[in-house]
C-alpha atoms as a PDB file:
ATOM      1  CA  MET A   1     -12.394   0.065  25.384  1.00  0.00           C
ATOM      2  CA  SER A   2     -15.819   1.511  24.153  1.00  0.00           C
ATOM      3  CA  THR A   3     -15.787   3.366  20.677  1.00  0.00           C
ATOM      4  CA  PRO A   4     -16.211   7.187  21.246  1.00  0.00           C
ATOM      5  CA  ALA A   5     -19.637   8.594  20.505  1.00  0.00           C
ATOM      6  CA  ALA A   6     -20.149  10.565  17.403  1.00  0.00           C
ATOM      7  CA  VAL A   7     -22.380  13.446  18.835  1.00  0.00           C
ATOM      8  CA  THR A   8     -20.832  16.550  17.205  1.00  0.00           C
ATOM      9  CA  PRO A   9     -23.153  17.657  14.014  1.00  0.00           C
ATOM     10  CA  MET A  10     -21.849  17.564  10.737  1.00  0.00           C
ATOM     11  CA  ALA A  11     -23.340  20.908  10.169  1.00  0.00           C
ATOM     12  CA  PHE A  12     -20.139  22.580  12.042  1.00  0.00           C
ATOM     13  CA  VAL A  13     -17.745  20.900   9.857  1.00  0.00           C
ATOM     14  CA  ARG A  14     -19.667  22.198   6.615  1.00  0.00           C
ATOM     15  CA  CYS A  15     -19.306  25.771   8.376  1.00  0.00           C
ATOM     16  CA  ILE A  16     -15.341  24.614   8.259  1.00  0.00           C
ATOM     17  CA  ALA A  17     -15.611  24.015   4.594  1.00  0.00           C
ATOM     18  CA  LEU A  18     -17.314  26.954   3.661  1.00  0.00           C
ATOM     19  CA  ALA A  19     -14.308  29.072   5.111  1.00  0.00           C
ATOM     20  CA  PHE A  20     -11.890  27.179   3.051  1.00  0.00           C
ATOM     21  CA  GLU A  21     -14.303  27.809  -0.177  1.00  0.00           C
ATOM     22  CA  ARG A  22     -14.455  31.555   0.657  1.00  0.00           C
ATOM     23  CA  ARG A  23     -10.897  31.917   0.957  1.00  0.00           C
ATOM     24  CA  GLY A  24     -10.608  30.041  -2.494  1.00  0.00           C
ATOM     25  CA  MET A  25      -8.784  26.887  -0.730  1.00  0.00           C
ATOM     26  CA  ASP A  26      -9.500  23.257  -0.870  1.00  0.00           C
ATOM     27  CA  PRO A  27     -10.909  21.768   2.240  1.00  0.00           C
ATOM     28  CA  ALA A  28      -9.995  18.221   1.470  1.00  0.00           C
ATOM     29  CA  PRO A  29      -6.702  17.831   3.296  1.00  0.00           C
ATOM     30  CA  ALA A  30      -8.359  19.013   6.634  1.00  0.00           C
ATOM     31  CA  LEU A  31     -11.514  16.625   5.977  1.00  0.00           C
ATOM     32  CA  ALA A  32      -8.956  13.686   5.363  1.00  0.00           C
ATOM     33  CA  ALA A  33      -6.789  14.499   8.559  1.00  0.00           C
ATOM     34  CA  ALA A  34     -10.044  13.667  10.553  1.00  0.00           C
ATOM     35  CA  GLN A  35     -11.246  10.985   8.220  1.00  0.00           C
ATOM     36  CA  ILE A  36     -14.336  12.827   7.241  1.00  0.00           C
ATOM     37  CA  THR A  37     -15.385  11.423   3.817  1.00  0.00           C
ATOM     38  CA  PRO A  38     -17.113  13.788   0.956  1.00  0.00           C
ATOM     39  CA  GLN A  39     -20.238  11.605   1.282  1.00  0.00           C
ATOM     40  CA  ALA A  40     -20.422  12.140   5.168  1.00  0.00           C
ATOM     41  CA  LEU A  41     -19.682  15.993   4.787  1.00  0.00           C
ATOM     42  CA  ALA A  42     -23.034  15.998   2.581  1.00  0.00           C
ATOM     43  CA  ASP A  43     -25.206  14.145   4.704  1.00  0.00           C
ATOM     44  CA  PRO A  44     -27.315  16.360   7.199  1.00  0.00           C
ATOM     45  CA  ARG A  45     -27.718  13.672   9.799  1.00  0.00           C
ATOM     46  CA  ALA A  46     -23.996  12.655  10.100  1.00  0.00           C
ATOM     47  CA  ARG A  47     -22.103  13.233  13.448  1.00  0.00           C
ATOM     48  CA  ILE A  48     -18.289  13.100  14.043  1.00  0.00           C
ATOM     49  CA  THR A  49     -16.623  12.166  17.254  1.00  0.00           C
ATOM     50  CA  ALA A  50     -14.881  14.915  19.507  1.00  0.00           C
ATOM     51  CA  LEU A  51     -11.428  13.602  18.230  1.00  0.00           C
ATOM     52  CA  GLN A  52     -12.446  14.192  14.588  1.00  0.00           C
ATOM     53  CA  MET A  53     -13.845  17.729  15.621  1.00  0.00           C
ATOM     54  CA  GLU A  54     -10.546  18.375  17.337  1.00  0.00           C
ATOM     55  CA  THR A  55      -8.520  16.996  14.512  1.00  0.00           C
ATOM     56  CA  VAL A  56     -10.382  18.980  11.636  1.00  0.00           C
ATOM     57  CA  SER A  57     -10.700  22.206  13.367  1.00  0.00           C
ATOM     58  CA  ALA A  58      -6.763  22.269  14.212  1.00  0.00           C
ATOM     59  CA  ALA A  59      -5.874  21.633  10.596  1.00  0.00           C
ATOM     60  CA  ALA A  60      -8.172  24.275   9.358  1.00  0.00           C
ATOM     61  CA  MET A  61      -7.096  26.709  11.654  1.00  0.00           C
ATOM     62  CA  GLN A  62      -3.419  26.114  10.585  1.00  0.00           C
ATOM     63  CA  ALA A  63      -4.266  26.032   7.159  1.00  0.00           C
ATOM     64  CA  LEU A  64      -6.379  29.124   7.103  1.00  0.00           C
ATOM     65  CA  ASP A  65      -4.115  30.809   9.804  1.00  0.00           C
ATOM     66  CA  ASP A  66      -7.469  31.717  11.471  1.00  0.00           C
ATOM     67  CA  GLU A  67      -8.372  30.622  14.701  1.00  0.00           C
ATOM     68  CA  ALA A  68     -12.038  32.054  14.230  1.00  0.00           C
ATOM     69  CA  LEU A  69     -12.422  29.692  11.018  1.00  0.00           C
ATOM     70  CA  GLY A  70     -14.025  32.560   8.852  1.00  0.00           C
ATOM     71  CA  TRP A  71     -16.435  33.774  11.438  1.00  0.00           C
ATOM     72  CA  PHE A  72     -14.980  37.579  11.544  1.00  0.00           C
ATOM     73  CA  GLU A  73     -14.287  40.452   9.083  1.00  0.00           C
ATOM     74  CA  ARG A  74     -10.499  39.833   9.840  1.00  0.00           C
ATOM     75  CA  ARG A  75      -8.665  36.663  10.527  1.00  0.00           C
ATOM     76  CA  LEU A  76      -7.552  35.829  13.951  1.00  0.00           C
ATOM     77  CA  PRO A  77      -4.007  34.365  13.322  1.00  0.00           C
ATOM     78  CA  TRP A  78      -2.937  31.196  14.807  1.00  0.00           C
ATOM     79  CA  GLY A  79      -1.952  31.713  18.759  1.00  0.00           C
ATOM     80  CA  SER A  80      -4.720  34.400  19.033  1.00  0.00           C
ATOM     81  CA  TYR A  81      -6.838  32.752  21.577  1.00  0.00           C
ATOM     82  CA  GLY A  82      -3.531  31.422  23.112  1.00  0.00           C
ATOM     83  CA  MET A  83      -2.846  34.902  23.970  1.00  0.00           C
ATOM     84  CA  LEU A  84      -6.149  35.565  25.367  1.00  0.00           C
ATOM     85  CA  CYS A  85      -5.535  32.637  28.085  1.00  0.00           C
ATOM     86  CA  ARG A  86      -2.361  33.946  28.631  1.00  0.00           C
ATOM     87  CA  ALA A  87      -3.668  37.324  29.627  1.00  0.00           C
ATOM     88  CA  SER A  88      -6.396  35.689  31.623  1.00  0.00           C
ATOM     89  CA  THR A  89      -4.362  33.108  33.581  1.00  0.00           C
ATOM     90  CA  GLY A  90      -2.596  35.511  35.881  1.00  0.00           C
ATOM     91  CA  ALA A  91      -5.510  36.460  37.428  1.00  0.00           C
ATOM     92  CA  ALA A  92      -6.296  35.645  41.339  1.00  0.00           C
ATOM     93  CA  THR A  93      -9.996  33.917  40.934  1.00  0.00           C
ATOM     94  CA  LEU A  94     -11.933  32.831  38.197  1.00  0.00           C
ATOM     95  CA  GLY A  95     -14.092  36.101  38.182  1.00  0.00           C
ATOM     96  CA  LEU A  96     -11.228  38.219  37.553  1.00  0.00           C
ATOM     97  CA  ALA A  97      -9.930  35.950  34.827  1.00  0.00           C
ATOM     98  CA  LEU A  98     -13.219  36.027  32.748  1.00  0.00           C
ATOM     99  CA  LYS A  99     -13.275  39.745  33.106  1.00  0.00           C
ATOM    100  CA  ARG A 100      -9.911  39.909  31.640  1.00  0.00           C
ATOM    101  CA  TRP A 101     -11.109  37.633  28.869  1.00  0.00           C
ATOM    102  CA  CYS A 102     -14.175  39.606  27.838  1.00  0.00           C
ATOM    103  CA  ARG A 103     -12.039  42.873  27.692  1.00  0.00           C
ATOM    104  CA  HIS A 104      -9.002  41.521  25.942  1.00  0.00           C
ATOM    105  CA  HIS A 105     -11.529  39.632  23.456  1.00  0.00           C
ATOM    106  CA  ARG A 106     -12.134  43.070  21.860  1.00  0.00           C
ATOM    107  CA  LEU A 107      -8.274  43.373  20.841  1.00  0.00           C
ATOM    108  CA  LEU A 108      -9.176  40.365  18.686  1.00  0.00           C
ATOM    109  CA  THR A 109     -12.368  41.618  17.338  1.00  0.00           C
ATOM    110  CA  GLU A 110     -15.103  43.825  17.507  1.00  0.00           C
ATOM    111  CA  ASP A 111     -17.603  41.913  15.490  1.00  0.00           C
ATOM    112  CA  VAL A 112     -18.875  40.403  18.778  1.00  0.00           C
ATOM    113  CA  LEU A 113     -18.865  41.918  22.365  1.00  0.00           C
ATOM    114  CA  LEU A 114     -18.567  39.441  25.548  1.00  0.00           C
ATOM    115  CA  THR A 115     -19.698  40.757  28.811  1.00  0.00           C
ATOM    116  CA  LEU A 116     -19.992  39.504  32.290  1.00  0.00           C
ATOM    117  CA  GLU A 117     -22.647  40.327  34.376  1.00  0.00           C
ATOM    118  CA  PRO A 118     -23.065  39.353  38.255  1.00  0.00           C
ATOM    119  CA  GLN A 119     -26.824  38.879  38.794  1.00  0.00           C
ATOM    120  CA  GLY A 120     -27.392  37.844  42.316  1.00  0.00           C
ATOM    121  CA  GLU A 121     -26.680  33.992  42.855  1.00  0.00           C
ATOM    122  CA  ALA A 122     -26.312  33.695  38.958  1.00  0.00           C
ATOM    123  CA  THR A 123     -23.755  35.431  36.557  1.00  0.00           C
ATOM    124  CA  VAL A 124     -24.122  35.931  33.067  1.00  0.00           C
ATOM    125  CA  LEU A 125     -21.733  35.735  30.411  1.00  0.00           C
ATOM    126  CA  ALA A 126     -23.266  37.263  27.539  1.00  0.00           C
ATOM    127  CA  LEU A 127     -22.149  37.496  23.663  1.00  0.00           C
ATOM    128  CA  THR A 128     -23.566  40.541  21.811  1.00  0.00           C
ATOM    129  CA  GLU A 129     -23.632  40.553  18.069  1.00  0.00           C
ATOM    130  CA  GLN A 130     -21.955  43.736  16.704  1.00  0.00           C
ATOM    131  CA  ARG A 131     -22.663  42.760  12.752  1.00  0.00           C
ATOM    132  CA  ASP A 132     -24.412  39.940  10.697  1.00  0.00           C
ATOM    133  CA  LEU A 133     -22.587  36.881  11.290  1.00  0.00           C
ATOM    134  CA  GLY A 134     -24.396  35.177   8.180  1.00  0.00           C
ATOM    135  CA  THR A 135     -24.583  31.356   7.577  1.00  0.00           C
ATOM    136  CA  LEU A 136     -21.543  30.782  10.188  1.00  0.00           C
ATOM    137  CA  ARG A 137     -23.534  32.469  13.061  1.00  0.00           C
ATOM    138  CA  GLU A 138     -24.487  29.128  14.932  1.00  0.00           C
ATOM    139  CA  PHE A 139     -21.035  27.743  14.601  1.00  0.00           C
ATOM    140  CA  CYS A 140     -19.630  30.943  15.777  1.00  0.00           C
ATOM    141  CA  LEU A 141     -21.760  31.476  18.980  1.00  0.00           C
ATOM    142  CA  VAL A 142     -21.302  27.974  20.035  1.00  0.00           C
ATOM    143  CA  THR A 143     -17.808  27.658  19.588  1.00  0.00           C
ATOM    144  CA  LEU A 144     -17.172  30.896  21.268  1.00  0.00           C
ATOM    145  CA  LEU A 145     -19.056  30.102  24.046  1.00  0.00           C
ATOM    146  CA  ARG A 146     -17.580  26.778  24.641  1.00  0.00           C
ATOM    147  CA  TYR A 147     -13.951  28.394  24.275  1.00  0.00           C
ATOM    148  CA  VAL A 148     -14.604  30.567  27.347  1.00  0.00           C
ATOM    149  CA  HIS A 149     -16.614  27.966  29.289  1.00  0.00           C
ATOM    150  CA  GLY A 150     -13.623  25.352  28.463  1.00  0.00           C
ATOM    151  CA  TYR A 151     -11.034  27.844  29.527  1.00  0.00           C
ATOM    152  CA  ALA A 152     -12.863  28.493  32.518  1.00  0.00           C
ATOM    153  CA  CYS A 153     -13.369  24.887  33.482  1.00  0.00           C
ATOM    154  CA  TRP A 154      -9.588  24.133  32.852  1.00  0.00           C
ATOM    155  CA  ALA A 155      -8.359  27.381  34.870  1.00  0.00           C
ATOM    156  CA  VAL A 156     -10.079  26.259  38.109  1.00  0.00           C
ATOM    157  CA  ASP A 157      -9.572  22.606  37.464  1.00  0.00           C
ATOM    158  CA  SER A 158     -13.346  22.037  37.928  1.00  0.00           C
ATOM    159  CA  ARG A 159     -16.081  21.142  35.694  1.00  0.00           C
ATOM    160  CA  ILE A 160     -18.666  24.134  35.870  1.00  0.00           C
ATOM    161  CA  PRO A 161     -22.251  23.432  35.301  1.00  0.00           C
ATOM    162  CA  LEU A 162     -24.600  25.960  33.712  1.00  0.00           C
ATOM    163  CA  LEU A 163     -27.633  27.146  35.144  1.00  0.00           C
ATOM    164  CA  GLU A 164     -28.646  27.741  31.337  1.00  0.00           C
ATOM    165  CA  ALA A 165     -27.235  28.083  27.823  1.00  0.00           C
ATOM    166  CA  ALA A 166     -29.073  30.451  25.562  1.00  0.00           C
ATOM    167  CA  PHE A 167     -29.244  30.982  21.965  1.00  0.00           C
ATOM    168  CA  PRO A 168     -30.958  33.547  19.594  1.00  0.00           C
ATOM    169  CA  PHE A 169     -32.002  31.171  16.938  1.00  0.00           C
ATOM    170  CA  PRO A 170     -34.542  28.344  16.682  1.00  0.00           C
ATOM    171  CA  ALA A 171     -33.785  24.851  17.692  1.00  0.00           C
ATOM    172  CA  PRO A 172     -31.708  23.409  14.998  1.00  0.00           C
ATOM    173  CA  ALA A 173     -32.162  19.880  13.629  1.00  0.00           C
ATOM    174  CA  HIS A 174     -29.404  18.804  15.888  1.00  0.00           C
ATOM    175  CA  ALA A 175     -30.549  20.452  18.883  1.00  0.00           C
ATOM    176  CA  ASP A 176     -29.740  17.067  20.889  1.00  0.00           C
ATOM    177  CA  ALA A 177     -26.180  17.637  20.377  1.00  0.00           C
ATOM    178  CA  TYR A 178     -26.243  20.755  22.553  1.00  0.00           C
ATOM    179  CA  ALA A 179     -26.947  18.375  25.669  1.00  0.00           C
ATOM    180  CA  HIS A 180     -23.317  17.234  25.037  1.00  0.00           C
ATOM    181  CA  MET A 181     -21.516  20.494  24.485  1.00  0.00           C
ATOM    182  CA  PHE A 182     -23.200  22.308  27.443  1.00  0.00           C
ATOM    183  CA  PRO A 183     -23.761  21.071  30.779  1.00  0.00           C
ATOM    184  CA  GLY A 184     -27.150  22.323  31.694  1.00  0.00           C
ATOM    185  CA  PRO A 185     -30.518  23.514  30.483  1.00  0.00           C
ATOM    186  CA  VAL A 186     -30.296  24.746  26.686  1.00  0.00           C
ATOM    187  CA  ARG A 187     -32.880  27.402  25.648  1.00  0.00           C
ATOM    188  CA  PHE A 188     -33.314  28.338  21.944  1.00  0.00           C
ATOM    189  CA  GLY A 189     -34.855  31.800  20.557  1.00  0.00           C
ATOM    190  CA  ALA A 190     -33.339  33.951  23.341  1.00  0.00           C
ATOM    191  CA  ALA A 191     -32.714  37.569  22.764  1.00  0.00           C
ATOM    192  CA  GLN A 192     -28.608  36.710  22.669  1.00  0.00           C
ATOM    193  CA  ALA A 193     -26.411  33.969  23.135  1.00  0.00           C
ATOM    194  CA  ALA A 194     -25.658  33.690  26.880  1.00  0.00           C
ATOM    195  CA  LEU A 195     -24.131  31.168  29.666  1.00  0.00           C
ATOM    196  CA  SER A 196     -25.714  31.480  33.098  1.00  0.00           C
ATOM    197  CA  LEU A 197     -23.685  29.890  35.753  1.00  0.00           C
ATOM    198  CA  ASP A 198     -23.575  29.833  39.781  1.00  0.00           C
ATOM    199  CA  THR A 199     -21.540  33.097  40.940  1.00  0.00           C
ATOM    200  CA  ARG A 200     -19.988  30.966  43.601  1.00  0.00           C
ATOM    201  CA  TYR A 201     -17.800  29.523  41.007  1.00  0.00           C
ATOM    202  CA  LEU A 202     -16.344  32.842  40.240  1.00  0.00           C
ATOM    203  CA  SER A 203     -14.588  33.142  43.613  1.00  0.00           C
ATOM    204  CA  LEU A 204     -12.515  29.889  42.828  1.00  0.00           C
ATOM    205  CA  PRO A 205      -8.886  30.203  42.758  1.00  0.00           C
ATOM    206  CA  LEU A 206      -7.111  29.471  39.461  1.00  0.00           C
ATOM    207  CA  ARG A 207      -5.249  26.324  39.838  1.00  0.00           C
ATOM    208  CA  ARG A 208      -2.917  26.527  36.789  1.00  0.00           C
ATOM    209  CA  ASP A 209       0.567  28.019  36.533  1.00  0.00           C
ATOM    210  CA  GLU A 210       2.846  29.008  33.935  1.00  0.00           C
ATOM    211  CA  ALA A 211       4.001  25.557  33.169  1.00  0.00           C
ATOM    212  CA  ALA A 212       0.556  24.015  33.093  1.00  0.00           C
ATOM    213  CA  LEU A 213      -0.854  26.902  30.493  1.00  0.00           C
ATOM    214  CA  ASN A 214       2.382  26.048  27.789  1.00  0.00           C
ATOM    215  CA  ALA A 215       1.238  22.357  28.237  1.00  0.00           C
ATOM    216  CA  MET A 216      -2.403  23.112  27.642  1.00  0.00           C
ATOM    217  CA  LEU A 217      -1.670  25.336  24.860  1.00  0.00           C
ATOM    218  CA  LYS A 218       0.264  22.455  22.992  1.00  0.00           C
ATOM    219  CA  ARG A 219      -3.410  20.990  22.602  1.00  0.00           C
ATOM    220  CA  ALA A 220      -5.914  23.203  23.720  1.00  0.00           C
ATOM    221  CA  LEU A 221      -8.833  22.388  21.331  1.00  0.00           C
ATOM    222  CA  PRO A 222     -10.160  19.376  23.769  1.00  0.00           C
ATOM    223  CA  LEU A 223     -11.315  22.183  26.106  1.00  0.00           C
ATOM    224  CA  THR A 224     -13.735  23.223  23.420  1.00  0.00           C
ATOM    225  CA  VAL A 225     -15.201  19.993  22.319  1.00  0.00           C
ATOM    226  CA  ARG A 226     -15.217  17.913  25.501  1.00  0.00           C
ATOM    227  CA  GLN A 227     -16.805  18.549  29.041  1.00  0.00           C
ATOM    228  CA  TYR A 228     -14.742  18.524  31.796  1.00  0.00           C
ATOM    229  CA  ARG A 229     -15.194  15.939  34.276  1.00  0.00           C
ATOM    230  CA  ARG A 230     -14.272  17.164  38.033  1.00  0.00           C
ATOM    231  CA  ASP A 231     -16.683  19.407  39.874  1.00  0.00           C
ATOM    232  CA  ARG A 232     -15.002  21.239  42.815  1.00  0.00           C
ATOM    233  CA  LEU A 233     -18.490  22.633  44.260  1.00  0.00           C
ATOM    234  CA  LEU A 234     -20.180  19.253  43.310  1.00  0.00           C
ATOM    235  CA  ALA A 235     -20.594  18.052  47.127  1.00  0.00           C
ATOM    236  CA  GLN A 236     -22.246  21.404  47.985  1.00  0.00           C
ATOM    237  CA  ARG A 237     -24.759  21.445  44.989  1.00  0.00           C
ATOM    238  CA  VAL A 238     -25.619  18.066  46.040  1.00  0.00           C
ATOM    239  CA  ARG A 239     -26.228  18.775  49.736  1.00  0.00           C
ATOM    240  CA  GLU A 240     -28.562  21.663  48.423  1.00  0.00           C
ATOM    241  CA  ARG A 241     -30.466  19.466  46.109  1.00  0.00           C
ATOM    242  CA  LEU A 242     -31.087  17.224  49.142  1.00  0.00           C
ATOM    243  CA  ARG A 243     -32.192  19.997  51.323  1.00  0.00           C
ATOM    244  CA  GLN A 244     -35.087  20.451  48.502  1.00  0.00           C
ATOM    245  CA  GLN A 245     -35.700  16.956  48.162  1.00  0.00           C
ATOM    246  CA  PRO A 246     -34.322  14.803  51.200  1.00  0.00           C
ATOM    247  CA  GLY A 247     -35.656  11.637  50.058  1.00  0.00           C
ATOM    248  CA  ALA A 248     -34.284  11.696  46.592  1.00  0.00           C
ATOM    249  CA  ASN A 249     -32.435   8.898  45.004  1.00  0.00           C
ATOM    250  CA  ALA A 250     -29.221   8.828  43.198  1.00  0.00           C
ATOM    251  CA  ASP A 251     -30.887   8.865  39.892  1.00  0.00           C
ATOM    252  CA  GLU A 252     -33.105  11.816  40.635  1.00  0.00           C
ATOM    253  CA  VAL A 253     -30.130  13.769  42.356  1.00  0.00           C
ATOM    254  CA  ALA A 254     -27.885  12.782  39.098  1.00  0.00           C
ATOM    255  CA  ALA A 255     -30.796  14.132  36.675  1.00  0.00           C
ATOM    256  CA  ALA A 256     -31.270  17.423  38.532  1.00  0.00           C
ATOM    257  CA  LEU A 257     -27.447  18.039  37.949  1.00  0.00           C
ATOM    258  CA  PHE A 258     -27.208  17.108  34.496  1.00  0.00           C
ATOM    259  CA  LEU A 259     -24.632  14.222  35.301  1.00  0.00           C
ATOM    260  CA  SER A 260     -25.099  10.428  34.906  1.00  0.00           C
ATOM    261  CA  THR A 261     -25.737   8.662  37.948  1.00  0.00           C
ATOM    262  CA  ARG A 262     -22.179   6.815  37.506  1.00  0.00           C
ATOM    263  CA  SER A 263     -20.411  10.288  36.940  1.00  0.00           C
ATOM    264  CA  LEU A 264     -22.074  11.422  40.314  1.00  0.00           C
ATOM    265  CA  HIS A 265     -20.860   8.584  42.382  1.00  0.00           C
ATOM    266  CA  ARG A 266     -17.448   8.710  40.728  1.00  0.00           C
ATOM    267  CA  GLN A 267     -17.085  12.586  41.160  1.00  0.00           C
ATOM    268  CA  LEU A 268     -18.291  12.352  44.597  1.00  0.00           C
ATOM    269  CA  GLN A 269     -15.726   9.492  45.389  1.00  0.00           C
ATOM    270  CA  GLU A 270     -12.737  11.601  44.005  1.00  0.00           C
ATOM    271  CA  GLU A 271     -13.972  14.264  46.523  1.00  0.00           C
ATOM    272  CA  ALA A 272     -13.712  11.607  49.203  1.00  0.00           C
ATOM    273  CA  THR A 273     -17.484  11.647  50.217  1.00  0.00           C
ATOM    274  CA  SER A 274     -20.367   9.679  48.804  1.00  0.00           C
ATOM    275  CA  LEU A 275     -23.845  10.247  48.066  1.00  0.00           C
ATOM    276  CA  GLN A 276     -24.978   8.284  50.987  1.00  0.00           C
ATOM    277  CA  ALA A 277     -22.781  10.328  53.328  1.00  0.00           C
ATOM    278  CA  LEU A 278     -24.139  13.490  51.960  1.00  0.00           C
ATOM    279  CA  LYS A 279     -27.828  12.454  52.118  1.00  0.00           C
ATOM    280  CA  ASP A 280     -27.141  11.208  56.026  1.00  0.00           C
ATOM    281  CA  ALA A 281     -25.667  14.663  56.825  1.00  0.00           C
ATOM    282  CA  VAL A 282     -28.560  16.537  55.117  1.00  0.00           C
ATOM    283  CA  ARG A 283     -31.080  14.489  56.684  1.00  0.00           C
ATOM    284  CA  ARG A 284     -29.493  14.593  60.259  1.00  0.00           C
ATOM    285  CA  ASP A 285     -29.149  18.592  59.862  1.00  0.00           C
ATOM    286  CA  ILE A 286     -32.967  18.824  59.003  1.00  0.00           C
ATOM    287  CA  ALA A 287     -34.255  16.689  61.668  1.00  0.00           C
ATOM    288  CA  VAL A 288     -32.200  18.249  64.343  1.00  0.00           C
ATOM    289  CA  GLU A 289     -33.158  21.638  63.110  1.00  0.00           C
ATOM    290  CA  LEU A 290     -36.776  20.793  63.522  1.00  0.00           C
ATOM    291  CA  LEU A 291     -36.677  18.939  66.812  1.00  0.00           C
ATOM    292  CA  LEU A 292     -34.961  22.020  68.423  1.00  0.00           C
ATOM    293  CA  ARG A 293     -36.768  24.974  66.536  1.00  0.00           C
ATOM    294  CA  SER A 294     -40.468  23.660  66.023  1.00  0.00           C
ATOM    295  CA  GLY A 295     -42.925  21.493  67.889  1.00  0.00           C
ATOM    296  CA  ARG A 296     -44.009  19.451  65.155  1.00  0.00           C
ATOM    297  CA  PRO A 297     -44.637  15.689  65.877  1.00  0.00           C
ATOM    298  CA  ILE A 298     -41.843  13.270  65.307  1.00  0.00           C
ATOM    299  CA  LYS A 299     -43.585  11.579  62.581  1.00  0.00           C
ATOM    300  CA  GLN A 300     -44.118  14.705  60.576  1.00  0.00           C
ATOM    301  CA  ILE A 301     -40.239  15.466  61.152  1.00  0.00           C
ATOM    302  CA  ALA A 302     -39.385  12.006  59.779  1.00  0.00           C
ATOM    303  CA  GLN A 303     -41.399  12.717  56.642  1.00  0.00           C
ATOM    304  CA  ALA A 304     -39.614  16.380  56.256  1.00  0.00           C
ATOM    305  CA  ALA A 305     -36.239  14.637  56.475  1.00  0.00           C
ATOM    306  CA  GLY A 306     -37.314  12.070  53.593  1.00  0.00           C
ATOM    307  CA  PHE A 307     -38.205   8.965  55.726  1.00  0.00           C
ATOM    308  CA  ASP A 308     -41.270   6.682  54.740  1.00  0.00           C
ATOM    309  CA  ASN A 309     -42.131   6.081  58.394  1.00  0.00           C
ATOM    310  CA  GLU A 310     -41.095   7.282  62.179  1.00  0.00           C
ATOM    311  CA  LYS A 311     -39.602   4.149  63.029  1.00  0.00           C
ATOM    312  CA  SER A 312     -36.989   4.143  60.291  1.00  0.00           C
ATOM    313  CA  PHE A 313     -35.996   7.742  60.932  1.00  0.00           C
ATOM    314  CA  THR A 314     -35.819   7.073  64.886  1.00  0.00           C
ATOM    315  CA  ARG A 315     -33.210   4.052  64.154  1.00  0.00           C
ATOM    316  CA  ALA A 316     -31.245   6.199  61.679  1.00  0.00           C
ATOM    317  CA  PHE A 317     -31.213   9.471  64.124  1.00  0.00           C
ATOM    318  CA  LYS A 318     -29.791   7.041  66.891  1.00  0.00           C
ATOM    319  CA  GLY A 319     -27.217   5.962  64.464  1.00  0.00           C
ATOM    320  CA  TRP A 320     -26.277   9.533  63.595  1.00  0.00           C
ATOM    321  CA  THR A 321     -26.433  11.166  67.429  1.00  0.00           C
ATOM    322  CA  GLY A 322     -26.324   8.206  69.562  1.00  0.00           C
ATOM    323  CA  GLU A 323     -29.940   9.158  71.044  1.00  0.00           C
ATOM    324  CA  SER A 324     -33.572   9.130  70.126  1.00  0.00           C
ATOM    325  CA  PRO A 325     -35.188  12.065  68.501  1.00  0.00           C
ATOM    326  CA  THR A 326     -37.543  12.016  71.774  1.00  0.00           C
ATOM    327  CA  ALA A 327     -34.377  12.108  73.779  1.00  0.00           C
ATOM    328  CA  LEU A 328     -32.735  15.025  71.970  1.00  0.00           C
ATOM    329  CA  ARG A 329     -35.690  17.283  72.333  1.00  0.00           C
ATOM    330  CA  GLY A 330     -36.221  16.400  75.953  1.00  0.00           C
ATOM    331  CA  ARG A 331     -32.632  17.083  76.596  1.00  0.00           C
ATOM    332  CA  ALA A 332     -32.724  20.367  74.738  1.00  0.00           C
ATOM    333  CA  ALA A 333     -35.759  21.591  76.773  1.00  0.00           C
ATOM    334  CA  GLN A 334     -34.195  20.893  80.023  1.00  0.00           C
ATOM    335  CA  ALA A 335     -31.100  22.814  79.178  1.00  0.00           C
ATOM    336  CA  MET A 336     -33.228  25.698  78.238  1.00  0.00           C
ATOM    337  CA  GLY A 337     -35.616  25.520  81.305  1.00  0.00           C
END
């Protein structure tokens, strides 16, 4: 087995240590539980694994009895975010669950305000700061958005890619780590912290019951430090990408969707399909549409469908439909005449 990658910035762990110091407590036991040495803590270039981050966070939350880890004016006792999960999980769809999450989060603290704003094809989950979060600002904003995104993925049992993750501060020295925390483009220097996602995900039904919720809450932190793998709308998103670029190869499609090529193939296989099958379906649909609704030459249609030449297009088209492009166009013209 490969060794887990250490990508989580030590800067976040120093924020946890600061929360201990502000309470007059020693962070050493929590750090030791995660095998983080004082030397590593002091190294601004150091990184830790997801498991180490999960371990030190859990130890700190219980020792401080504060799931906010010192971000807010008052502590959020152990179980606060579990209560938020329970209040949201009874919703019929993800959209309703996230609206509940935003509304009920105000019961925990008014230091930050979460809102969900549909904007056509995109929906923005925005975080408004109601007071100065000081030194812990970055850690707070990143973690709060990871909390809600991790919960959302778990609730619908699907990886939810982001159209954008935005943050209201300059790119930090560890900016490269954000690609591991947020599956999509990341923008710094924004007006406020926010996640933008495809609105279609909000209509997905929740797939978790009380038993699943209880099991998750026994070890919920992986949802905030690890990205979810399966995407229930992946095949649809691949089709849309191929409509824009029918000739795209696997590497190009994967990069456009912020996935590795290996993950793309694996996830499509889990959905009982493949990139080649989706590509064939999209190319066929493009070709048939142009053959029936335009007078464009076959060579141009072949190019529009992502083929290098008319010969290979005709061969593929016969495999899809059982007849040549010219025959299909002629049969359609006879039927209309």
